[in-house]
């Protein structure tokens, strides 16, 4: 995902999540650190319904571009929804679980891509 098209996809992901009031978006560049994916996109929601709504909206927003998640976890519970798009994985967290699992700390060696840089929204992760 080093192409302009790849960057545009990350921008679309962040913009779609921000459209649904995502909290604290962060993009971690895992290239060279993780064999499974290139990027993590991490956001929080304010409730289980908010988490589910963001995940549903993202899947709907990316579908016209032919992007469908290879795997989805946690949608029914709405506490931590994982959307695996292979080149990037989106983590939509309830705040308590984001704090508990601390993916940003776990992957502390990964460069942080500001959401505004990837999404064009001006928000920083």
N, C-alpha and C. Protein backbone atom coordinates (compact mmCIF):
# COMPACT_ATOMS: atom_id res chain seq x y z
N UNK A 1 0.82 -1.20 0.00
CA UNK A 1 0.00 0.00 0.00
C UNK A 1 0.86 1.26 0.00
N UNK A 2 1.92 1.25 -0.73
CA UNK A 2 2.78 2.44 -0.78
C UNK A 2 2.42 3.33 -1.95
N UNK A 3 1.46 2.93 -2.75
CA UNK A 3 1.07 3.70 -3.92
C UNK A 3 0.14 4.84 -3.52
N UNK A 4 -0.02 5.83 -4.40
CA UNK A 4 -1.01 6.89 -4.13
C UNK A 4 -2.41 6.32 -3.92
N UNK A 5 -2.73 5.24 -4.64
CA UNK A 5 -4.04 4.61 -4.47
C UNK A 5 -4.19 4.06 -3.05
N UNK A 6 -3.10 3.49 -2.52
CA UNK A 6 -3.14 2.97 -1.16
C UNK A 6 -3.34 4.08 -0.14
N UNK A 7 -2.65 5.20 -0.36
CA UNK A 7 -2.82 6.34 0.53
C UNK A 7 -4.24 6.89 0.43
N UNK A 8 -4.79 6.88 -0.77
CA UNK A 8 -6.17 7.34 -0.96
C UNK A 8 -7.16 6.46 -0.23
N UNK A 9 -6.89 5.16 -0.19
CA UNK A 9 -7.78 4.25 0.54
C UNK A 9 -7.73 4.56 2.03
N UNK A 10 -6.55 4.76 2.58
CA UNK A 10 -6.45 5.12 4.00
C UNK A 10 -7.18 6.44 4.27
N UNK A 11 -7.07 7.37 3.36
CA UNK A 11 -7.78 8.64 3.49
C UNK A 11 -9.29 8.41 3.52
N UNK A 12 -9.76 7.55 2.63
CA UNK A 12 -11.19 7.23 2.58
C UNK A 12 -11.65 6.55 3.87
N UNK A 13 -10.82 5.66 4.41
CA UNK A 13 -11.15 4.98 5.66
C UNK A 13 -11.30 5.99 6.79
N UNK A 14 -10.30 6.84 6.95
CA UNK A 14 -10.34 7.82 8.04
C UNK A 14 -11.51 8.78 7.86
N UNK A 15 -11.71 9.26 6.64
CA UNK A 15 -12.82 10.18 6.40
C UNK A 15 -14.17 9.54 6.73
N UNK A 16 -14.35 8.28 6.34
CA UNK A 16 -15.62 7.59 6.63
C UNK A 16 -15.83 7.45 8.13
N UNK A 17 -14.77 7.13 8.85
CA UNK A 17 -14.89 6.99 10.30
C UNK A 17 -15.14 8.35 10.97
N UNK A 18 -14.47 9.38 10.49
CA UNK A 18 -14.70 10.72 11.04
C UNK A 18 -16.11 11.22 10.72
N UNK A 19 -16.66 10.79 9.59
CA UNK A 19 -18.05 11.13 9.26
C UNK A 19 -19.01 10.65 10.35
N UNK A 20 -18.62 9.60 11.02
CA UNK A 20 -19.46 9.03 12.09
C UNK A 20 -18.89 9.36 13.47
N UNK A 21 -18.13 10.45 13.54
CA UNK A 21 -17.63 10.99 14.81
C UNK A 21 -16.66 10.07 15.54
N UNK A 22 -15.76 9.45 14.79
CA UNK A 22 -14.70 8.64 15.41
C UNK A 22 -13.88 9.50 16.36
N UNK A 23 -13.45 8.89 17.45
CA UNK A 23 -12.67 9.58 18.48
C UNK A 23 -11.22 9.10 18.40
N UNK A 24 -10.28 10.03 18.46
CA UNK A 24 -8.84 9.74 18.51
C UNK A 24 -8.35 8.78 17.42
N UNK A 25 -8.54 9.13 16.15
CA UNK A 25 -8.04 8.25 15.09
C UNK A 25 -6.52 8.23 15.04
N UNK A 26 -5.98 7.03 14.87
CA UNK A 26 -4.53 6.84 14.75
C UNK A 26 -4.29 5.81 13.65
N UNK A 27 -3.30 6.07 12.83
CA UNK A 27 -2.87 5.08 11.84
C UNK A 27 -1.44 4.70 12.17
N UNK A 28 -1.21 3.40 12.33
CA UNK A 28 0.13 2.88 12.58
C UNK A 28 0.65 2.24 11.30
N UNK A 29 1.85 2.62 10.90
CA UNK A 29 2.50 2.06 9.72
C UNK A 29 3.29 0.83 10.17
N UNK A 30 2.77 -0.34 9.85
CA UNK A 30 3.37 -1.60 10.30
C UNK A 30 4.27 -2.24 9.25
N UNK A 31 4.46 -1.56 8.13
CA UNK A 31 5.31 -2.15 7.09
C UNK A 31 6.70 -2.40 7.66
N UNK A 32 7.19 -3.61 7.49
CA UNK A 32 8.49 -3.99 8.01
C UNK A 32 8.44 -4.49 9.45
N UNK A 33 7.31 -4.35 10.11
CA UNK A 33 7.16 -4.80 11.49
C UNK A 33 6.19 -5.97 11.63
N UNK A 34 5.28 -6.10 10.68
CA UNK A 34 4.22 -7.10 10.78
C UNK A 34 4.02 -7.73 9.40
N UNK A 35 4.05 -9.04 9.35
CA UNK A 35 3.87 -9.74 8.08
C UNK A 35 2.40 -9.82 7.67
N UNK A 36 1.49 -9.62 8.61
CA UNK A 36 0.07 -9.84 8.35
C UNK A 36 -0.62 -8.67 7.66
N UNK A 37 -0.15 -7.45 7.88
CA UNK A 37 -0.82 -6.27 7.32
C UNK A 37 0.17 -5.11 7.25
N UNK A 38 -0.19 -4.08 6.50
CA UNK A 38 0.66 -2.90 6.37
C UNK A 38 0.31 -1.79 7.37
N UNK A 39 -0.96 -1.66 7.69
CA UNK A 39 -1.40 -0.57 8.55
C UNK A 39 -2.47 -1.03 9.52
N UNK A 40 -2.48 -0.43 10.70
CA UNK A 40 -3.61 -0.48 11.63
C UNK A 40 -4.24 0.90 11.62
N UNK A 41 -5.54 0.94 11.50
CA UNK A 41 -6.31 2.17 11.72
C UNK A 41 -7.06 1.93 13.01
N UNK A 42 -6.84 2.79 14.00
CA UNK A 42 -7.43 2.60 15.32
C UNK A 42 -8.26 3.83 15.67
N UNK A 43 -9.52 3.59 16.05
CA UNK A 43 -10.40 4.67 16.49
C UNK A 43 -11.22 4.18 17.68
N UNK A 44 -11.81 5.13 18.37
CA UNK A 44 -12.72 4.80 19.47
C UNK A 44 -14.10 5.35 19.16
N UNK A 45 -15.09 4.69 19.76
CA UNK A 45 -16.47 5.18 19.76
C UNK A 45 -16.88 5.43 21.19
N UNK A 46 -18.03 6.01 21.37
CA UNK A 46 -18.48 6.38 22.72
C UNK A 46 -19.40 5.36 23.36
N UNK A 47 -19.89 4.40 22.58
CA UNK A 47 -20.80 3.37 23.08
C UNK A 47 -20.76 2.19 22.13
N UNK A 48 -21.37 1.08 22.54
CA UNK A 48 -21.41 -0.10 21.66
C UNK A 48 -22.14 0.22 20.36
N UNK A 49 -23.22 0.98 20.46
CA UNK A 49 -23.97 1.35 19.25
C UNK A 49 -23.12 2.23 18.33
N UNK A 50 -22.35 3.13 18.90
CA UNK A 50 -21.47 4.00 18.11
C UNK A 50 -20.39 3.18 17.42
N UNK A 51 -19.79 2.24 18.14
CA UNK A 51 -18.75 1.37 17.58
C UNK A 51 -19.33 0.57 16.41
N UNK A 52 -20.48 -0.06 16.61
CA UNK A 52 -21.12 -0.84 15.54
C UNK A 52 -21.47 0.06 14.35
N UNK A 53 -22.00 1.24 14.64
CA UNK A 53 -22.39 2.16 13.58
C UNK A 53 -21.22 2.60 12.73
N UNK A 54 -20.09 2.89 13.36
CA UNK A 54 -18.89 3.27 12.60
C UNK A 54 -18.42 2.13 11.71
N UNK A 55 -18.39 0.92 12.26
CA UNK A 55 -17.94 -0.25 11.49
C UNK A 55 -18.87 -0.50 10.31
N UNK A 56 -20.17 -0.46 10.55
CA UNK A 56 -21.14 -0.66 9.47
C UNK A 56 -20.99 0.41 8.39
N UNK A 57 -20.85 1.66 8.82
CA UNK A 57 -20.71 2.76 7.87
C UNK A 57 -19.44 2.60 7.04
N UNK A 58 -18.35 2.20 7.66
CA UNK A 58 -17.10 2.02 6.93
C UNK A 58 -17.25 0.93 5.86
N UNK A 59 -17.84 -0.20 6.23
CA UNK A 59 -18.02 -1.27 5.25
C UNK A 59 -18.88 -0.80 4.08
N UNK A 60 -19.93 -0.04 4.36
CA UNK A 60 -20.80 0.50 3.32
C UNK A 60 -20.06 1.51 2.45
N UNK A 61 -19.25 2.35 3.07
CA UNK A 61 -18.51 3.39 2.34
C UNK A 61 -17.45 2.81 1.41
N UNK A 62 -16.82 1.71 1.81
CA UNK A 62 -15.74 1.13 1.00
C UNK A 62 -16.25 0.16 -0.06
N UNK A 63 -17.45 -0.35 0.10
CA UNK A 63 -17.99 -1.36 -0.82
C UNK A 63 -18.04 -0.89 -2.28
N UNK A 64 -18.45 0.35 -2.58
CA UNK A 64 -18.49 0.76 -3.99
C UNK A 64 -17.13 0.72 -4.68
N UNK A 65 -16.05 0.82 -3.92
CA UNK A 65 -14.70 0.73 -4.48
C UNK A 65 -14.23 -0.71 -4.60
N UNK A 66 -15.13 -1.65 -4.28
CA UNK A 66 -14.79 -3.07 -4.36
C UNK A 66 -14.02 -3.57 -3.15
N UNK A 67 -13.99 -2.78 -2.09
CA UNK A 67 -13.27 -3.17 -0.88
C UNK A 67 -14.24 -3.77 0.13
N UNK A 68 -14.02 -5.03 0.41
CA UNK A 68 -14.83 -5.72 1.41
C UNK A 68 -13.89 -6.38 2.40
N UNK A 69 -14.24 -6.38 3.68
CA UNK A 69 -13.33 -6.99 4.65
C UNK A 69 -13.20 -8.49 4.42
N UNK A 70 -11.97 -8.95 4.53
CA UNK A 70 -11.69 -10.38 4.43
C UNK A 70 -12.26 -11.09 5.65
N UNK A 71 -12.26 -10.39 6.78
CA UNK A 71 -12.74 -10.98 8.03
C UNK A 71 -13.25 -9.87 8.94
N UNK A 72 -14.33 -10.16 9.67
CA UNK A 72 -14.91 -9.21 10.63
C UNK A 72 -15.06 -9.92 11.96
N UNK A 73 -14.65 -9.27 13.03
CA UNK A 73 -14.80 -9.80 14.40
C UNK A 73 -15.46 -8.76 15.28
N UNK A 74 -16.33 -9.21 16.18
CA UNK A 74 -16.85 -8.37 17.25
C UNK A 74 -17.98 -7.43 16.91
N UNK A 75 -18.53 -7.52 15.71
CA UNK A 75 -19.57 -6.57 15.30
C UNK A 75 -20.82 -6.69 16.18
N UNK A 76 -21.22 -7.88 16.51
CA UNK A 76 -22.44 -8.07 17.31
C UNK A 76 -22.31 -7.46 18.71
N UNK A 77 -21.13 -7.58 19.30
CA UNK A 77 -20.93 -7.07 20.66
C UNK A 77 -20.70 -5.56 20.69
N UNK A 78 -20.02 -5.04 19.69
CA UNK A 78 -19.77 -3.60 19.61
C UNK A 78 -18.79 -3.07 20.64
N UNK A 79 -17.93 -3.90 21.15
CA UNK A 79 -16.93 -3.44 22.12
C UNK A 79 -15.58 -3.23 21.43
N UNK A 80 -15.22 -4.13 20.55
CA UNK A 80 -14.00 -4.03 19.74
C UNK A 80 -14.32 -4.70 18.42
N UNK A 81 -14.50 -3.91 17.39
CA UNK A 81 -14.77 -4.45 16.06
C UNK A 81 -13.48 -4.41 15.26
N UNK A 82 -13.12 -5.54 14.70
CA UNK A 82 -11.93 -5.66 13.87
C UNK A 82 -12.40 -5.93 12.45
N UNK A 83 -11.97 -5.09 11.53
CA UNK A 83 -12.27 -5.24 10.10
C UNK A 83 -10.95 -5.46 9.38
N UNK A 84 -10.75 -6.67 8.90
CA UNK A 84 -9.48 -7.04 8.25
C UNK A 84 -9.62 -6.91 6.74
N UNK A 85 -8.99 -5.89 6.19
CA UNK A 85 -8.98 -5.66 4.75
C UNK A 85 -7.66 -6.13 4.12
N UNK A 86 -6.93 -6.96 4.81
CA UNK A 86 -5.65 -7.55 4.43
C UNK A 86 -4.52 -6.51 4.44
N UNK A 87 -4.54 -5.52 3.54
CA UNK A 87 -3.47 -4.51 3.52
C UNK A 87 -3.56 -3.57 4.72
N UNK A 88 -4.74 -3.45 5.28
CA UNK A 88 -4.93 -2.65 6.49
C UNK A 88 -6.01 -3.31 7.34
N UNK A 89 -5.88 -3.11 8.65
CA UNK A 89 -6.85 -3.64 9.61
C UNK A 89 -7.39 -2.47 10.40
N UNK A 90 -8.70 -2.38 10.47
CA UNK A 90 -9.36 -1.31 11.22
C UNK A 90 -9.81 -1.87 12.56
N UNK A 91 -9.44 -1.17 13.63
CA UNK A 91 -9.86 -1.52 14.99
C UNK A 91 -10.76 -0.39 15.48
N UNK A 92 -12.03 -0.71 15.73
CA UNK A 92 -12.97 0.27 16.27
C UNK A 92 -13.28 -0.16 17.70
N UNK A 93 -12.80 0.62 18.65
CA UNK A 93 -12.83 0.24 20.06
C UNK A 93 -13.86 1.03 20.86
N UNK A 94 -14.42 0.38 21.86
CA UNK A 94 -15.05 1.07 22.98
C UNK A 94 -13.87 1.63 23.79
N UNK A 95 -13.96 2.83 24.35
CA UNK A 95 -12.79 3.45 25.00
C UNK A 95 -12.13 2.58 26.08
N UNK A 96 -12.92 1.87 26.85
CA UNK A 96 -12.35 1.04 27.92
C UNK A 96 -11.45 -0.05 27.36
N UNK A 97 -11.87 -0.66 26.26
CA UNK A 97 -11.05 -1.73 25.67
C UNK A 97 -9.82 -1.17 24.97
N UNK A 98 -9.96 -0.01 24.36
CA UNK A 98 -8.78 0.60 23.74
C UNK A 98 -7.72 0.89 24.80
N UNK A 99 -8.15 1.40 25.92
CA UNK A 99 -7.22 1.68 27.02
C UNK A 99 -6.61 0.39 27.56
N UNK A 100 -7.42 -0.66 27.67
CA UNK A 100 -6.94 -1.93 28.22
C UNK A 100 -5.91 -2.58 27.30
N UNK A 101 -6.21 -2.67 26.00
CA UNK A 101 -5.32 -3.38 25.08
C UNK A 101 -4.16 -2.53 24.58
N UNK A 102 -4.29 -1.24 24.55
CA UNK A 102 -3.21 -0.31 24.20
C UNK A 102 -2.40 -0.75 22.97
N UNK A 103 -3.10 -0.92 21.86
CA UNK A 103 -2.40 -1.34 20.64
C UNK A 103 -1.31 -0.34 20.23
N UNK A 104 -1.56 0.94 20.45
CA UNK A 104 -0.55 1.94 20.09
C UNK A 104 0.74 1.70 20.89
N UNK A 105 0.61 1.30 22.13
CA UNK A 105 1.79 1.02 22.95
C UNK A 105 2.41 -0.32 22.56
N UNK A 106 1.57 -1.33 22.34
CA UNK A 106 2.05 -2.65 21.94
C UNK A 106 2.88 -2.56 20.66
N UNK A 107 2.43 -1.75 19.72
CA UNK A 107 3.13 -1.55 18.46
C UNK A 107 3.89 -0.22 18.50
N UNK A 108 4.53 0.07 19.61
CA UNK A 108 5.21 1.33 19.83
C UNK A 108 6.34 1.63 18.86
N UNK A 109 6.89 0.60 18.21
CA UNK A 109 7.95 0.82 17.22
C UNK A 109 7.40 1.27 15.87
N UNK A 110 6.10 1.18 15.69
CA UNK A 110 5.48 1.55 14.41
C UNK A 110 5.35 3.06 14.31
N UNK A 111 5.77 3.62 13.18
CA UNK A 111 5.54 5.06 12.99
C UNK A 111 4.05 5.37 13.01
N UNK A 112 3.71 6.47 13.65
CA UNK A 112 2.32 6.91 13.70
C UNK A 112 2.09 7.86 12.53
N UNK A 113 1.09 7.55 11.74
CA UNK A 113 0.68 8.42 10.65
C UNK A 113 -0.48 9.25 11.19
N UNK A 114 -0.34 10.56 11.22
CA UNK A 114 -1.42 11.40 11.73
C UNK A 114 -2.65 11.21 10.86
N UNK A 115 -3.79 11.10 11.47
CA UNK A 115 -5.03 10.88 10.73
C UNK A 115 -5.27 12.00 9.74
N UNK A 116 -4.88 13.20 10.08
CA UNK A 116 -5.05 14.31 9.16
C UNK A 116 -4.22 14.15 7.91
N UNK A 117 -3.02 13.55 8.04
CA UNK A 117 -2.17 13.32 6.88
C UNK A 117 -2.77 12.27 5.96
N UNK A 118 -3.39 11.25 6.55
CA UNK A 118 -3.95 10.17 5.74
C UNK A 118 -5.37 10.49 5.32
N UNK A 119 -6.10 11.22 6.17
CA UNK A 119 -7.51 11.43 5.90
C UNK A 119 -7.86 12.80 5.38
N UNK A 120 -6.91 13.71 5.42
CA UNK A 120 -7.20 15.03 4.91
C UNK A 120 -8.13 15.83 5.80
N UNK A 121 -8.40 15.35 7.00
CA UNK A 121 -9.37 15.99 7.87
C UNK A 121 -8.75 17.03 8.80
N UNK A 122 -7.44 16.98 8.93
CA UNK A 122 -6.78 17.89 9.84
C UNK A 122 -6.71 17.37 11.26
N UNK A 123 -7.39 16.28 11.56
CA UNK A 123 -7.36 15.70 12.91
C UNK A 123 -6.04 14.99 13.11
N UNK A 124 -5.55 15.03 14.30
CA UNK A 124 -4.32 14.32 14.62
C UNK A 124 -4.64 13.16 15.51
N UNK A 125 -3.89 12.03 15.31
CA UNK A 125 -4.12 10.85 16.12
C UNK A 125 -3.23 10.79 17.30
